[in-house]
Amino acid sequence: MSAVLPSSAMLRAADRSEGVWMSAWRRFKSDRVGLVSLAIVIAFLVLIALSALSLVAGHWQREVGVPYANPTFLGPTPPPLAVQLDQGKGPPVDISAVDPLAPRYAEWAERASKLKVGEEVRANTLLLGGDRLGRDVLAKAIKGAEISIFVGVLAALLATAIGTALGAVSGFLGGRIGDLLEWVYNVFTSIPGILLIFAFAAVFGRGTSTVVLILGLTGWTGIYRLVRAEFLKHAVRDYVRAAEAIGASVSSRMFRHILPNVSHVVLVQLSILTVGFIKAEVILSYLGLGVSIDQVSWGTMLAESQVELLLGCWWQLATATVFMALFVTAFSLFTDALRDALDPKLRGLE
């Protein structure tokens, strides 16, 4: 009995077999949490794009409300005594015997609350409240998202790209190149991180691009070590040797064969770095090494809210915290779902 040879249609179907990325996308679509997280991340990205084009939150610097304006859901309640003192209104005591102008203070305070900014009357309440200058906290949070997410994501991508490239080269090629990269890694890890950040800040100054460079150039060491270990492990496996046998180049074996199989490690580190760098931006802005003074970020909002908490005004802290927590949680869940979709161990269970 003669063997049945495969037809040309069967061969074409085999050639069109599902690739790694299409297979990962198919698995990712079945993860509802991942899809919802992706939608939230995309919504934030659209929001910061509109903010960058000044289509939303373009007026964040305008003093549209009275100082420390309450959120709308609290109503225009009188400010606490500490806020009155901060605004120069003085304690609610009878001092007419000392100051003959005291009876006019209430009238002047009412007039001051109705001062116009451009053509608009200052509002007694804002949707999510106002800061000490009467700026809209919601607009500041949206504009701050543009800076904080830009810094966190771009710095994480820079650190991930550096760490992945160097780890792949060191783990796959080894030899003198690997020894040199190990020496560079040991130099960076031997210096305390905060001192390294201060050193870069002293050289580059302050600003958004500076923060991205500082975090990207100092945060690649962790992912480098993990990627190097993964490439050392995969470089001797059968599928890589088979690719070498059919004439695949070194770069093809590194980035077309091995990298997709270690991408879940890269994505986990990208998620961790993004969250960590957003927090690092908060710390740098608090220390005066972050964004410039004419910009706003979640870090500067949290720094401002320290004084406001003493006055009983909590809404700027709450708004910045909720925005940050929502994005960070959604981004972490999204990268976790993407990692599971790309994990070769899970692919083998299908």
C-alpha atoms as a PDB file:
ATOM      1  CA  MET A   1       0.000   0.000   0.000  1.00  0.00           C
ATOM      2  CA  SER A   2       1.505   3.290  -1.124  1.00  0.00           C
ATOM      3  CA  ALA A   3       1.918   6.186   1.300  1.00  0.00           C
ATOM      4  CA  VAL A   4      -0.518   9.066   0.992  1.00  0.00           C
ATOM      5  CA  LEU A   5       1.349  12.235   0.135  1.00  0.00           C
ATOM      6  CA  PRO A   6       0.061  15.572   1.535  1.00  0.00           C
ATOM      7  CA  SER A   7      -1.747  17.702  -0.988  1.00  0.00           C
ATOM      8  CA  SER A   8      -0.670  21.223  -1.909  1.00  0.00           C
ATOM      9  CA  ALA A   9      -3.705  22.632  -0.046  1.00  0.00           C
ATOM     10  CA  MET A  10      -2.586  20.893   3.131  1.00  0.00           C
ATOM     11  CA  LEU A  11       0.918  22.272   2.712  1.00  0.00           C
ATOM     12  CA  ARG A  12      -0.407  25.803   2.210  1.00  0.00           C
ATOM     13  CA  ALA A  13      -2.543  25.427   5.344  1.00  0.00           C
ATOM     14  CA  ALA A  14       0.519  24.315   7.293  1.00  0.00           C
ATOM     15  CA  ASP A  15       2.448  27.332   6.013  1.00  0.00           C
ATOM     16  CA  ARG A  16      -0.354  29.567   7.255  1.00  0.00           C
ATOM     17  CA  SER A  17      -0.214  28.098  10.768  1.00  0.00           C
ATOM     18  CA  GLU A  18      -0.912  30.506  13.582  1.00  0.00           C
ATOM     19  CA  GLY A  19       2.118  32.524  14.626  1.00  0.00           C
ATOM     20  CA  VAL A  20       3.269  33.394  18.142  1.00  0.00           C
ATOM     21  CA  TRP A  21       1.730  36.862  18.209  1.00  0.00           C
ATOM     22  CA  MET A  22      -1.601  35.839  16.664  1.00  0.00           C
ATOM     23  CA  SER A  23      -1.844  32.969  19.105  1.00  0.00           C
ATOM     24  CA  ALA A  24      -1.092  35.324  22.005  1.00  0.00           C
ATOM     25  CA  TRP A  25      -3.760  37.776  20.826  1.00  0.00           C
ATOM     26  CA  ARG A  26      -6.331  34.990  20.592  1.00  0.00           C
ATOM     27  CA  ARG A  27      -5.623  33.976  24.190  1.00  0.00           C
ATOM     28  CA  PHE A  28      -5.560  37.577  25.382  1.00  0.00           C
ATOM     29  CA  LYS A  29      -9.036  38.235  23.968  1.00  0.00           C
ATOM     30  CA  SER A  30     -10.438  35.502  26.195  1.00  0.00           C
ATOM     31  CA  ASP A  31      -9.227  37.332  29.330  1.00  0.00           C
ATOM     32  CA  ARG A  32     -11.981  39.776  30.345  1.00  0.00           C
ATOM     33  CA  VAL A  33      -9.926  41.439  33.067  1.00  0.00           C
ATOM     34  CA  GLY A  34      -7.140  42.022  30.588  1.00  0.00           C
ATOM     35  CA  LEU A  35      -9.510  43.551  28.036  1.00  0.00           C
ATOM     36  CA  VAL A  36     -11.062  45.904  30.615  1.00  0.00           C
ATOM     37  CA  SER A  37      -7.592  46.910  31.792  1.00  0.00           C
ATOM     38  CA  LEU A  38      -6.534  47.523  28.195  1.00  0.00           C
ATOM     39  CA  ALA A  39      -9.600  49.739  27.695  1.00  0.00           C
ATOM     40  CA  ILE A  40      -8.697  51.802  30.787  1.00  0.00           C
ATOM     41  CA  VAL A  41      -5.096  52.173  29.658  1.00  0.00           C
ATOM     42  CA  ILE A  42      -6.233  53.260  26.183  1.00  0.00           C
ATOM     43  CA  ALA A  43      -8.650  55.753  27.773  1.00  0.00           C
ATOM     44  CA  PHE A  44      -5.787  57.275  29.759  1.00  0.00           C
ATOM     45  CA  LEU A  45      -3.610  57.442  26.644  1.00  0.00           C
ATOM     46  CA  VAL A  46      -6.398  59.176  24.710  1.00  0.00           C
ATOM     47  CA  LEU A  47      -6.894  61.568  27.632  1.00  0.00           C
ATOM     48  CA  ILE A  48      -3.245  62.572  27.767  1.00  0.00           C
ATOM     49  CA  ALA A  49      -3.170  62.954  23.972  1.00  0.00           C
ATOM     50  CA  LEU A  50      -6.103  65.369  24.178  1.00  0.00           C
ATOM     51  CA  SER A  51      -4.365  67.145  27.051  1.00  0.00           C
ATOM     52  CA  ALA A  52      -1.156  67.474  25.027  1.00  0.00           C
ATOM     53  CA  LEU A  53      -3.191  69.087  22.237  1.00  0.00           C
ATOM     54  CA  SER A  54      -4.834  71.436  24.822  1.00  0.00           C
ATOM     55  CA  LEU A  55      -8.268  70.103  23.909  1.00  0.00           C
ATOM     56  CA  VAL A  56      -8.891  69.221  27.570  1.00  0.00           C
ATOM     57  CA  ALA A  57      -7.370  70.667  30.759  1.00  0.00           C
ATOM     58  CA  GLY A  58      -5.787  73.461  28.785  1.00  0.00           C
ATOM     59  CA  HIS A  59      -6.968  75.941  31.432  1.00  0.00           C
ATOM     60  CA  TRP A  60      -5.431  74.158  34.416  1.00  0.00           C
ATOM     61  CA  GLN A  61      -3.383  77.245  35.382  1.00  0.00           C
ATOM     62  CA  ARG A  62      -6.388  79.565  35.451  1.00  0.00           C
ATOM     63  CA  GLU A  63      -7.786  80.517  38.839  1.00  0.00           C
ATOM     64  CA  VAL A  64     -11.398  79.651  38.102  1.00  0.00           C
ATOM     65  CA  GLY A  65     -12.561  79.197  41.693  1.00  0.00           C
ATOM     66  CA  VAL A  66     -12.127  80.718  45.089  1.00  0.00           C
ATOM     67  CA  PRO A  67      -9.097  79.512  47.072  1.00  0.00           C
ATOM     68  CA  TYR A  68      -9.663  76.025  48.462  1.00  0.00           C
ATOM     69  CA  ALA A  69     -13.016  75.767  46.669  1.00  0.00           C
ATOM     70  CA  ASN A  70     -15.006  72.788  47.909  1.00  0.00           C
ATOM     71  CA  PRO A  71     -15.935  69.899  45.601  1.00  0.00           C
ATOM     72  CA  THR A  72     -19.447  70.348  44.211  1.00  0.00           C
ATOM     73  CA  PHE A  73     -20.845  67.378  46.126  1.00  0.00           C
ATOM     74  CA  LEU A  74     -19.843  69.047  49.425  1.00  0.00           C
ATOM     75  CA  GLY A  75     -21.516  72.337  48.563  1.00  0.00           C
ATOM     76  CA  PRO A  76     -20.274  75.874  49.251  1.00  0.00           C
ATOM     77  CA  THR A  77     -19.739  75.342  52.955  1.00  0.00           C
ATOM     78  CA  PRO A  78     -17.727  77.933  54.891  1.00  0.00           C
ATOM     79  CA  PRO A  79     -14.001  77.107  54.947  1.00  0.00           C
ATOM     80  CA  PRO A  80     -12.463  75.953  58.222  1.00  0.00           C
ATOM     81  CA  LEU A  81     -10.793  78.468  60.526  1.00  0.00           C
ATOM     82  CA  ALA A  82      -7.303  77.428  59.433  1.00  0.00           C
ATOM     83  CA  VAL A  83      -8.182  78.228  55.817  1.00  0.00           C
ATOM     84  CA  GLN A  84      -9.587  81.594  56.828  1.00  0.00           C
ATOM     85  CA  LEU A  85      -6.311  82.370  58.568  1.00  0.00           C
ATOM     86  CA  ASP A  86      -4.360  81.235  55.504  1.00  0.00           C
ATOM     87  CA  GLN A  87      -6.439  83.600  53.363  1.00  0.00           C
ATOM     88  CA  GLY A  88      -5.767  86.511  55.734  1.00  0.00           C
ATOM     89  CA  LYS A  89      -9.338  86.792  56.962  1.00  0.00           C
ATOM     90  CA  GLY A  90      -8.399  86.432  60.639  1.00  0.00           C
ATOM     91  CA  PRO A  91     -10.216  84.608  63.408  1.00  0.00           C
ATOM     92  CA  PRO A  92     -13.962  85.189  63.805  1.00  0.00           C
ATOM     93  CA  VAL A  93     -13.659  87.436  66.859  1.00  0.00           C
ATOM     94  CA  ASP A  94     -14.759  91.001  67.570  1.00  0.00           C
ATOM     95  CA  ILE A  95     -11.736  93.228  67.024  1.00  0.00           C
ATOM     96  CA  SER A  96     -13.615  96.392  66.060  1.00  0.00           C
ATOM     97  CA  ALA A  97     -12.338  98.068  69.209  1.00  0.00           C
ATOM     98  CA  VAL A  98      -8.775  97.597  67.952  1.00  0.00           C
ATOM     99  CA  ASP A  99      -9.259  97.863  64.191  1.00  0.00           C
ATOM    100  CA  PRO A 100     -11.899 100.354  62.990  1.00  0.00           C
ATOM    101  CA  LEU A 101     -11.958  98.643  59.573  1.00  0.00           C
ATOM    102  CA  ALA A 102     -12.933  95.265  61.015  1.00  0.00           C
ATOM    103  CA  PRO A 103     -16.671  95.636  60.207  1.00  0.00           C
ATOM    104  CA  ARG A 104     -15.757  95.976  56.492  1.00  0.00           C
ATOM    105  CA  TYR A 105     -13.743  92.746  56.309  1.00  0.00           C
ATOM    106  CA  ALA A 106     -16.756  90.510  55.650  1.00  0.00           C
ATOM    107  CA  GLU A 107     -17.942  92.774  52.819  1.00  0.00           C
ATOM    108  CA  TRP A 108     -14.491  92.894  51.254  1.00  0.00           C
ATOM    109  CA  ALA A 109     -14.138  89.097  51.522  1.00  0.00           C
ATOM    110  CA  GLU A 110     -17.441  88.662  49.692  1.00  0.00           C
ATOM    111  CA  ARG A 111     -16.307  91.023  46.955  1.00  0.00           C
ATOM    112  CA  ALA A 112     -12.959  89.238  46.644  1.00  0.00           C
ATOM    113  CA  SER A 113     -14.735  85.916  46.093  1.00  0.00           C
ATOM    114  CA  LYS A 114     -16.492  87.440  43.086  1.00  0.00           C
ATOM    115  CA  LEU A 115     -13.384  88.766  41.351  1.00  0.00           C
ATOM    116  CA  LYS A 116     -13.393  87.977  37.639  1.00  0.00           C
ATOM    117  CA  VAL A 117     -10.789  85.912  35.874  1.00  0.00           C
ATOM    118  CA  GLY A 118     -11.029  87.061  32.285  1.00  0.00           C
ATOM    119  CA  GLU A 119     -14.778  87.048  31.753  1.00  0.00           C
ATOM    120  CA  GLU A 120     -15.632  84.396  34.344  1.00  0.00           C
ATOM    121  CA  VAL A 121     -16.696  84.806  37.953  1.00  0.00           C
ATOM    122  CA  ARG A 122     -14.790  82.665  40.416  1.00  0.00           C
ATOM    123  CA  ALA A 123     -16.853  79.660  41.400  1.00  0.00           C
ATOM    124  CA  ASN A 124     -17.566  78.851  45.023  1.00  0.00           C
ATOM    125  CA  THR A 125     -17.360  75.125  44.212  1.00  0.00           C
ATOM    126  CA  LEU A 126     -15.607  73.074  41.538  1.00  0.00           C
ATOM    127  CA  LEU A 127     -16.362  69.528  40.414  1.00  0.00           C
ATOM    128  CA  LEU A 128     -13.487  67.988  42.392  1.00  0.00           C
ATOM    129  CA  GLY A 129     -12.500  71.100  44.328  1.00  0.00           C
ATOM    130  CA  GLY A 130      -9.804  73.725  43.957  1.00  0.00           C
ATOM    131  CA  ASP A 131      -6.298  74.296  45.290  1.00  0.00           C
ATOM    132  CA  ARG A 132      -4.979  77.232  47.289  1.00  0.00           C
ATOM    133  CA  LEU A 133      -5.000  79.482  44.217  1.00  0.00           C
ATOM    134  CA  GLY A 134      -8.440  78.395  43.039  1.00  0.00           C
ATOM    135  CA  ARG A 135      -7.195  76.202  40.192  1.00  0.00           C
ATOM    136  CA  ASP A 136      -9.392  73.265  39.167  1.00  0.00           C
ATOM    137  CA  VAL A 137      -8.089  70.050  40.763  1.00  0.00           C
ATOM    138  CA  LEU A 138      -9.685  67.880  38.042  1.00  0.00           C
ATOM    139  CA  ALA A 139      -7.908  69.826  35.303  1.00  0.00           C
ATOM    140  CA  LYS A 140      -4.652  69.553  37.224  1.00  0.00           C
ATOM    141  CA  ALA A 141      -5.097  65.790  37.607  1.00  0.00           C
ATOM    142  CA  ILE A 142      -5.683  65.363  33.865  1.00  0.00           C
ATOM    143  CA  LYS A 143      -2.699  67.537  32.973  1.00  0.00           C
ATOM    144  CA  GLY A 144      -0.646  65.793  35.654  1.00  0.00           C
ATOM    145  CA  ALA A 145      -1.534  62.444  34.103  1.00  0.00           C
ATOM    146  CA  GLU A 146       0.067  63.618  30.875  1.00  0.00           C
ATOM    147  CA  ILE A 147       3.385  64.308  32.604  1.00  0.00           C
ATOM    148  CA  SER A 148       3.414  61.388  35.054  1.00  0.00           C
ATOM    149  CA  ILE A 149       2.339  58.715  32.552  1.00  0.00           C
ATOM    150  CA  PHE A 150       4.686  60.117  29.920  1.00  0.00           C
ATOM    151  CA  VAL A 151       7.582  60.000  32.368  1.00  0.00           C
ATOM    152  CA  GLY A 152       6.690  56.578  33.808  1.00  0.00           C
ATOM    153  CA  VAL A 153       5.970  54.758  30.545  1.00  0.00           C
ATOM    154  CA  LEU A 154       8.721  56.350  28.446  1.00  0.00           C
ATOM    155  CA  ALA A 155      11.369  55.883  31.144  1.00  0.00           C
ATOM    156  CA  ALA A 156      10.243  52.262  31.624  1.00  0.00           C
ATOM    157  CA  LEU A 157      10.420  51.633  27.869  1.00  0.00           C
ATOM    158  CA  LEU A 158      13.907  53.156  27.747  1.00  0.00           C
ATOM    159  CA  ALA A 159      15.131  51.095  30.701  1.00  0.00           C
ATOM    160  CA  THR A 160      13.474  47.942  29.309  1.00  0.00           C
ATOM    161  CA  ALA A 161      15.018  48.455  25.867  1.00  0.00           C
ATOM    162  CA  ILE A 162      18.492  48.988  27.323  1.00  0.00           C
ATOM    163  CA  GLY A 163      18.249  46.084  29.761  1.00  0.00           C
ATOM    164  CA  THR A 164      16.752  43.691  27.199  1.00  0.00           C
ATOM    165  CA  ALA A 165      19.287  44.503  24.474  1.00  0.00           C
ATOM    166  CA  LEU A 166      22.289  44.276  26.769  1.00  0.00           C
ATOM    167  CA  GLY A 167      20.976  41.159  28.518  1.00  0.00           C
ATOM    168  CA  ALA A 168      20.325  39.423  25.189  1.00  0.00           C
ATOM    169  CA  VAL A 169      23.793  40.215  23.870  1.00  0.00           C
ATOM    170  CA  SER A 170      25.507  39.198  27.112  1.00  0.00           C
ATOM    171  CA  GLY A 171      23.535  35.981  27.540  1.00  0.00           C
ATOM    172  CA  PHE A 172      23.643  34.807  23.920  1.00  0.00           C
ATOM    173  CA  LEU A 173      27.138  35.840  22.850  1.00  0.00           C
ATOM    174  CA  GLY A 174      29.011  35.591  26.142  1.00  0.00           C
ATOM    175  CA  GLY A 175      32.790  35.707  25.906  1.00  0.00           C
ATOM    176  CA  ARG A 176      34.563  39.028  26.250  1.00  0.00           C
ATOM    177  CA  ILE A 177      31.456  40.965  25.313  1.00  0.00           C
ATOM    178  CA  GLY A 178      29.548  39.265  28.095  1.00  0.00           C
ATOM    179  CA  ASP A 179      32.349  39.950  30.571  1.00  0.00           C
ATOM    180  CA  LEU A 180      32.418  43.638  29.597  1.00  0.00           C
ATOM    181  CA  LEU A 181      28.665  43.990  30.035  1.00  0.00           C
ATOM    182  CA  GLU A 182      28.853  42.203  33.385  1.00  0.00           C
ATOM    183  CA  TRP A 183      31.481  44.722  34.484  1.00  0.00           C
ATOM    184  CA  VAL A 184      29.231  47.638  33.445  1.00  0.00           C
ATOM    185  CA  TYR A 185      26.336  46.032  35.307  1.00  0.00           C
ATOM    186  CA  ASN A 186      28.436  45.621  38.456  1.00  0.00           C
ATOM    187  CA  VAL A 187      29.553  49.258  38.298  1.00  0.00           C
ATOM    188  CA  PHE A 188      25.957  50.514  38.119  1.00  0.00           C
ATOM    189  CA  THR A 189      24.706  48.223  40.888  1.00  0.00           C
ATOM    190  CA  SER A 190      27.624  49.034  43.212  1.00  0.00           C
ATOM    191  CA  ILE A 191      26.563  52.699  43.414  1.00  0.00           C
ATOM    192  CA  PRO A 192      23.544  53.477  45.649  1.00  0.00           C
ATOM    193  CA  GLY A 193      20.568  54.212  43.417  1.00  0.00           C
ATOM    194  CA  ILE A 194      19.657  57.527  45.012  1.00  0.00           C
ATOM    195  CA  LEU A 195      23.238  58.826  44.609  1.00  0.00           C
ATOM    196  CA  LEU A 196      23.263  57.739  40.981  1.00  0.00           C
ATOM    197  CA  ILE A 197      19.997  59.585  40.386  1.00  0.00           C
ATOM    198  CA  PHE A 198      21.353  62.735  42.058  1.00  0.00           C
ATOM    199  CA  ALA A 199      24.514  62.520  39.960  1.00  0.00           C
ATOM    200  CA  PHE A 200      22.542  62.346  36.705  1.00  0.00           C
ATOM    201  CA  ALA A 201      20.247  65.138  37.902  1.00  0.00           C
ATOM    202  CA  ALA A 202      23.258  67.366  38.606  1.00  0.00           C
ATOM    203  CA  VAL A 203      24.553  66.783  35.080  1.00  0.00           C
ATOM    204  CA  PHE A 204      21.291  67.058  33.113  1.00  0.00           C
ATOM    205  CA  GLY A 205      19.365  69.553  35.285  1.00  0.00           C
ATOM    206  CA  ARG A 206      15.612  69.326  35.779  1.00  0.00           C
ATOM    207  CA  GLY A 207      12.703  68.885  33.396  1.00  0.00           C
ATOM    208  CA  THR A 208      10.520  66.154  31.921  1.00  0.00           C
ATOM    209  CA  SER A 209      13.075  64.804  29.454  1.00  0.00           C
ATOM    210  CA  THR A 210      15.716  64.877  32.180  1.00  0.00           C
ATOM    211  CA  VAL A 211      13.594  62.741  34.501  1.00  0.00           C
ATOM    212  CA  VAL A 212      13.035  60.223  31.682  1.00  0.00           C
ATOM    213  CA  LEU A 213      16.777  60.004  31.022  1.00  0.00           C
ATOM    214  CA  ILE A 214      17.643  59.732  34.706  1.00  0.00           C
ATOM    215  CA  LEU A 215      15.187  56.918  35.378  1.00  0.00           C
ATOM    216  CA  GLY A 216      15.883  55.100  32.114  1.00  0.00           C
ATOM    217  CA  LEU A 217      19.667  55.175  32.507  1.00  0.00           C
ATOM    218  CA  THR A 218      19.581  54.043  36.134  1.00  0.00           C
ATOM    219  CA  GLY A 219      16.733  51.508  36.063  1.00  0.00           C
ATOM    220  CA  TRP A 220      17.860  48.937  33.475  1.00  0.00           C
ATOM    221  CA  THR A 221      19.982  46.724  35.723  1.00  0.00           C
ATOM    222  CA  GLY A 222      17.200  44.526  37.099  1.00  0.00           C
ATOM    223  CA  ILE A 223      15.762  43.533  33.730  1.00  0.00           C
ATOM    224  CA  TYR A 224      19.271  43.063  32.324  1.00  0.00           C
ATOM    225  CA  ARG A 225      20.017  40.362  34.884  1.00  0.00           C
ATOM    226  CA  LEU A 226      16.759  38.488  34.240  1.00  0.00           C
ATOM    227  CA  VAL A 227      16.983  38.645  30.439  1.00  0.00           C
ATOM    228  CA  ARG A 228      20.624  37.519  30.494  1.00  0.00           C
ATOM    229  CA  ALA A 229      19.683  34.465  32.544  1.00  0.00           C
ATOM    230  CA  GLU A 230      16.810  33.610  30.181  1.00  0.00           C
ATOM    231  CA  PHE A 231      19.012  33.911  27.080  1.00  0.00           C
ATOM    232  CA  LEU A 232      21.679  31.724  28.678  1.00  0.00           C
ATOM    233  CA  LYS A 233      19.019  29.084  29.243  1.00  0.00           C
ATOM    234  CA  HIS A 234      17.362  29.286  25.809  1.00  0.00           C
ATOM    235  CA  ALA A 235      20.544  29.595  23.742  1.00  0.00           C
ATOM    236  CA  VAL A 236      21.288  25.857  24.091  1.00  0.00           C
ATOM    237  CA  ARG A 237      17.772  24.575  23.497  1.00  0.00           C
ATOM    238  CA  ASP A 238      16.852  22.438  20.505  1.00  0.00           C
ATOM    239  CA  TYR A 239      14.698  24.972  18.675  1.00  0.00           C
ATOM    240  CA  VAL A 240      17.577  27.510  18.679  1.00  0.00           C
ATOM    241  CA  ARG A 241      20.050  24.878  17.479  1.00  0.00           C
ATOM    242  CA  ALA A 242      17.600  23.910  14.742  1.00  0.00           C
ATOM    243  CA  ALA A 243      17.345  27.541  13.652  1.00  0.00           C
ATOM    244  CA  GLU A 244      21.147  27.710  13.545  1.00  0.00           C
ATOM    245  CA  ALA A 245      21.252  24.524  11.469  1.00  0.00           C
ATOM    246  CA  ILE A 246      18.979  25.971   8.787  1.00  0.00           C
ATOM    247  CA  GLY A 247      21.153  29.102   8.539  1.00  0.00           C
ATOM    248  CA  ALA A 248      19.376  31.625  10.763  1.00  0.00           C
ATOM    249  CA  SER A 249      21.568  34.598  11.622  1.00  0.00           C
ATOM    250  CA  VAL A 250      22.614  35.512  15.152  1.00  0.00           C
ATOM    251  CA  SER A 251      20.206  38.451  15.332  1.00  0.00           C
ATOM    252  CA  SER A 252      17.392  36.268  13.994  1.00  0.00           C
ATOM    253  CA  ARG A 253      17.994  33.616  16.629  1.00  0.00           C
ATOM    254  CA  MET A 254      18.184  36.238  19.372  1.00  0.00           C
ATOM    255  CA  PHE A 255      15.210  38.417  18.527  1.00  0.00           C
ATOM    256  CA  ARG A 256      12.936  36.247  16.353  1.00  0.00           C
ATOM    257  CA  HIS A 257      13.283  32.915  18.121  1.00  0.00           C
ATOM    258  CA  ILE A 258      14.361  33.508  21.720  1.00  0.00           C
ATOM    259  CA  LEU A 259      12.884  36.936  22.513  1.00  0.00           C
ATOM    260  CA  PRO A 260       9.212  35.932  21.943  1.00  0.00           C
ATOM    261  CA  ASN A 261       9.746  33.051  24.370  1.00  0.00           C
ATOM    262  CA  VAL A 262      11.097  35.354  27.104  1.00  0.00           C
ATOM    263  CA  SER A 263       8.749  38.268  26.381  1.00  0.00           C
ATOM    264  CA  HIS A 264       6.617  37.417  29.408  1.00  0.00           C
ATOM    265  CA  VAL A 265       9.608  38.210  31.639  1.00  0.00           C
ATOM    266  CA  VAL A 266      10.167  41.496  29.812  1.00  0.00           C
ATOM    267  CA  LEU A 267       6.515  42.496  30.169  1.00  0.00           C
ATOM    268  CA  VAL A 268       6.475  41.786  33.885  1.00  0.00           C
ATOM    269  CA  GLN A 269       9.537  43.962  34.360  1.00  0.00           C
ATOM    270  CA  LEU A 270       8.034  46.678  32.154  1.00  0.00           C
ATOM    271  CA  SER A 271       4.969  46.747  34.379  1.00  0.00           C
ATOM    272  CA  ILE A 272       7.061  46.883  37.555  1.00  0.00           C
ATOM    273  CA  LEU A 273       9.297  49.631  36.159  1.00  0.00           C
ATOM    274  CA  THR A 274       6.342  51.748  35.013  1.00  0.00           C
ATOM    275  CA  VAL A 275       4.763  51.634  38.454  1.00  0.00           C
ATOM    276  CA  GLY A 276       8.103  52.272  40.137  1.00  0.00           C
ATOM    277  CA  PHE A 277       9.011  55.163  37.849  1.00  0.00           C
ATOM    278  CA  ILE A 278       5.681  56.912  38.392  1.00  0.00           C
ATOM    279  CA  LYS A 279       6.419  56.716  42.117  1.00  0.00           C
ATOM    280  CA  ALA A 280       9.997  57.871  41.506  1.00  0.00           C
ATOM    281  CA  GLU A 281       8.694  60.918  39.642  1.00  0.00           C
ATOM    282  CA  VAL A 282       6.640  61.760  42.730  1.00  0.00           C
ATOM    283  CA  ILE A 283       9.755  61.604  44.909  1.00  0.00           C
ATOM    284  CA  LEU A 284      11.914  63.583  42.486  1.00  0.00           C
ATOM    285  CA  SER A 285       9.269  66.292  42.119  1.00  0.00           C
ATOM    286  CA  TYR A 286       8.930  66.478  45.888  1.00  0.00           C
ATOM    287  CA  LEU A 287      12.711  66.952  46.221  1.00  0.00           C
ATOM    288  CA  GLY A 288      12.750  69.611  43.513  1.00  0.00           C
ATOM    289  CA  LEU A 289      14.551  67.398  40.979  1.00  0.00           C
ATOM    290  CA  GLY A 290      11.532  66.466  38.890  1.00  0.00           C
ATOM    291  CA  VAL A 291       9.453  68.450  36.427  1.00  0.00           C
ATOM    292  CA  SER A 292       9.951  72.195  36.066  1.00  0.00           C
ATOM    293  CA  ILE A 293       8.008  74.606  38.264  1.00  0.00           C
ATOM    294  CA  ASP A 294       5.677  75.694  35.451  1.00  0.00           C
ATOM    295  CA  GLN A 295       4.401  72.123  34.969  1.00  0.00           C
ATOM    296  CA  VAL A 296       2.089  69.925  37.013  1.00  0.00           C
ATOM    297  CA  SER A 297       2.265  66.200  37.679  1.00  0.00           C
ATOM    298  CA  TRP A 298       0.776  63.785  40.158  1.00  0.00           C
ATOM    299  CA  GLY A 299       3.990  64.222  42.128  1.00  0.00           C
ATOM    300  CA  THR A 300       3.654  67.989  42.455  1.00  0.00           C
ATOM    301  CA  MET A 301      -0.023  67.595  43.356  1.00  0.00           C
ATOM    302  CA  LEU A 302       0.842  65.202  46.181  1.00  0.00           C
ATOM    303  CA  ALA A 303       3.561  67.572  47.372  1.00  0.00           C
ATOM    304  CA  GLU A 304       1.107  70.492  47.444  1.00  0.00           C
ATOM    305  CA  SER A 305      -1.509  68.445  49.265  1.00  0.00           C
ATOM    306  CA  GLN A 306       0.679  68.089  52.355  1.00  0.00           C
ATOM    307  CA  VAL A 307      -0.012  71.675  53.402  1.00  0.00           C
ATOM    308  CA  GLU A 308      -3.644  71.449  52.324  1.00  0.00           C
ATOM    309  CA  LEU A 309      -4.244  68.443  54.578  1.00  0.00           C
ATOM    310  CA  LEU A 310      -3.297  70.590  57.571  1.00  0.00           C
ATOM    311  CA  LEU A 311      -6.057  72.971  56.501  1.00  0.00           C
ATOM    312  CA  GLY A 312      -8.624  70.198  56.141  1.00  0.00           C
ATOM    313  CA  CYS A 313      -8.616  70.242  52.325  1.00  0.00           C
ATOM    314  CA  TRP A 314      -8.176  66.627  51.209  1.00  0.00           C
ATOM    315  CA  TRP A 315      -9.580  66.650  47.682  1.00  0.00           C
ATOM    316  CA  GLN A 316      -6.346  67.307  45.756  1.00  0.00           C
ATOM    317  CA  LEU A 317      -4.646  64.376  47.527  1.00  0.00           C
ATOM    318  CA  ALA A 318      -7.654  62.113  46.905  1.00  0.00           C
ATOM    319  CA  THR A 319      -7.937  63.054  43.216  1.00  0.00           C
ATOM    320  CA  ALA A 320      -4.249  62.530  42.453  1.00  0.00           C
ATOM    321  CA  THR A 321      -4.229  59.251  44.396  1.00  0.00           C
ATOM    322  CA  VAL A 322      -7.326  57.862  42.641  1.00  0.00           C
ATOM    323  CA  PHE A 323      -6.006  58.786  39.187  1.00  0.00           C
ATOM    324  CA  MET A 324      -2.632  57.218  39.937  1.00  0.00           C
ATOM    325  CA  ALA A 325      -4.094  54.067  41.505  1.00  0.00           C
ATOM    326  CA  LEU A 326      -6.521  53.533  38.615  1.00  0.00           C
ATOM    327  CA  PHE A 327      -3.864  53.779  35.928  1.00  0.00           C
ATOM    328  CA  VAL A 328      -1.238  51.783  37.805  1.00  0.00           C
ATOM    329  CA  THR A 329      -3.695  48.970  38.623  1.00  0.00           C
ATOM    330  CA  ALA A 330      -5.064  48.791  35.075  1.00  0.00           C
ATOM    331  CA  PHE A 331      -1.586  48.827  33.553  1.00  0.00           C
ATOM    332  CA  SER A 332      -0.395  46.072  35.907  1.00  0.00           C
ATOM    333  CA  LEU A 333      -3.405  43.850  35.150  1.00  0.00           C
ATOM    334  CA  PHE A 334      -3.032  44.464  31.416  1.00  0.00           C
ATOM    335  CA  THR A 335       0.638  43.463  31.380  1.00  0.00           C
ATOM    336  CA  ASP A 336      -0.120  40.431  33.563  1.00  0.00           C
ATOM    337  CA  ALA A 337      -2.756  39.275  31.067  1.00  0.00           C
ATOM    338  CA  LEU A 338      -0.374  39.901  28.175  1.00  0.00           C
ATOM    339  CA  ARG A 339       2.359  37.977  29.981  1.00  0.00           C
ATOM    340  CA  ASP A 340       0.039  34.985  30.440  1.00  0.00           C
ATOM    341  CA  ALA A 341      -0.867  35.111  26.752  1.00  0.00           C
ATOM    342  CA  LEU A 342       2.797  35.053  25.730  1.00  0.00           C
ATOM    343  CA  ASP A 343       4.041  32.543  28.308  1.00  0.00           C
ATOM    344  CA  PRO A 344       5.409  29.520  26.389  1.00  0.00           C
ATOM    345  CA  LYS A 345       4.491  27.167  29.230  1.00  0.00           C
ATOM    346  CA  LEU A 346       0.834  28.146  28.875  1.00  0.00           C
ATOM    347  CA  ARG A 347       1.067  27.856  25.095  1.00  0.00           C
ATOM    348  CA  GLY A 348       2.204  24.254  25.549  1.00  0.00           C
ATOM    349  CA  LEU A 349      -0.949  23.423  27.519  1.00  0.00           C
ATOM    350  CA  GLU A 350      -3.300  24.241  24.659  1.00  0.00           C
END
